[in-house]
Amino acid sequence: MNPVMMPPSIADYYEIHNWKHATAILANDFPDEWAEIIQILGNFRLLRSAILTPGGRKSPISNAIENAFNDLGWRKKAFDTRILLDDIHLETPTHNIDCFKVVCSLSARGLDAVGR
């Protein structure tokens, strides 16, 4: 495998960025979820026709990827986080996660992994 632990069959099709060792964490600590990510990326092909098709709310590309993850039980989530500082609650709004399962998430920003 290459340095970010992607099979060549996927690394040959994508520009891959590894954020905070996410691929190593996923591959070793969440092998089932990692296998699903690899499966979805391996089956996906970016077609010119999909790029040229107007999306409306979402593009056909986003829909295809989200549907593949949804079919495997990944769901959209929103997080409500706060910081408590000397009994003062500070709101820290976050973004929505497009596809979330267990403690792994895939969003428009990229792939994140969080320990259990």
Foldseek 3Di string as FASTA:
>chain_A
DPPLPADPLQVVQDDDDQDPSFSVCCVPVPVVVNVLVNVLSNPDDDDPVQVPDDPVVHGPNVVSSLVSLVVVPWAKAADWDWDADVNDTHTDGDDIFSTDDDQWTQHPVGTDGDDD
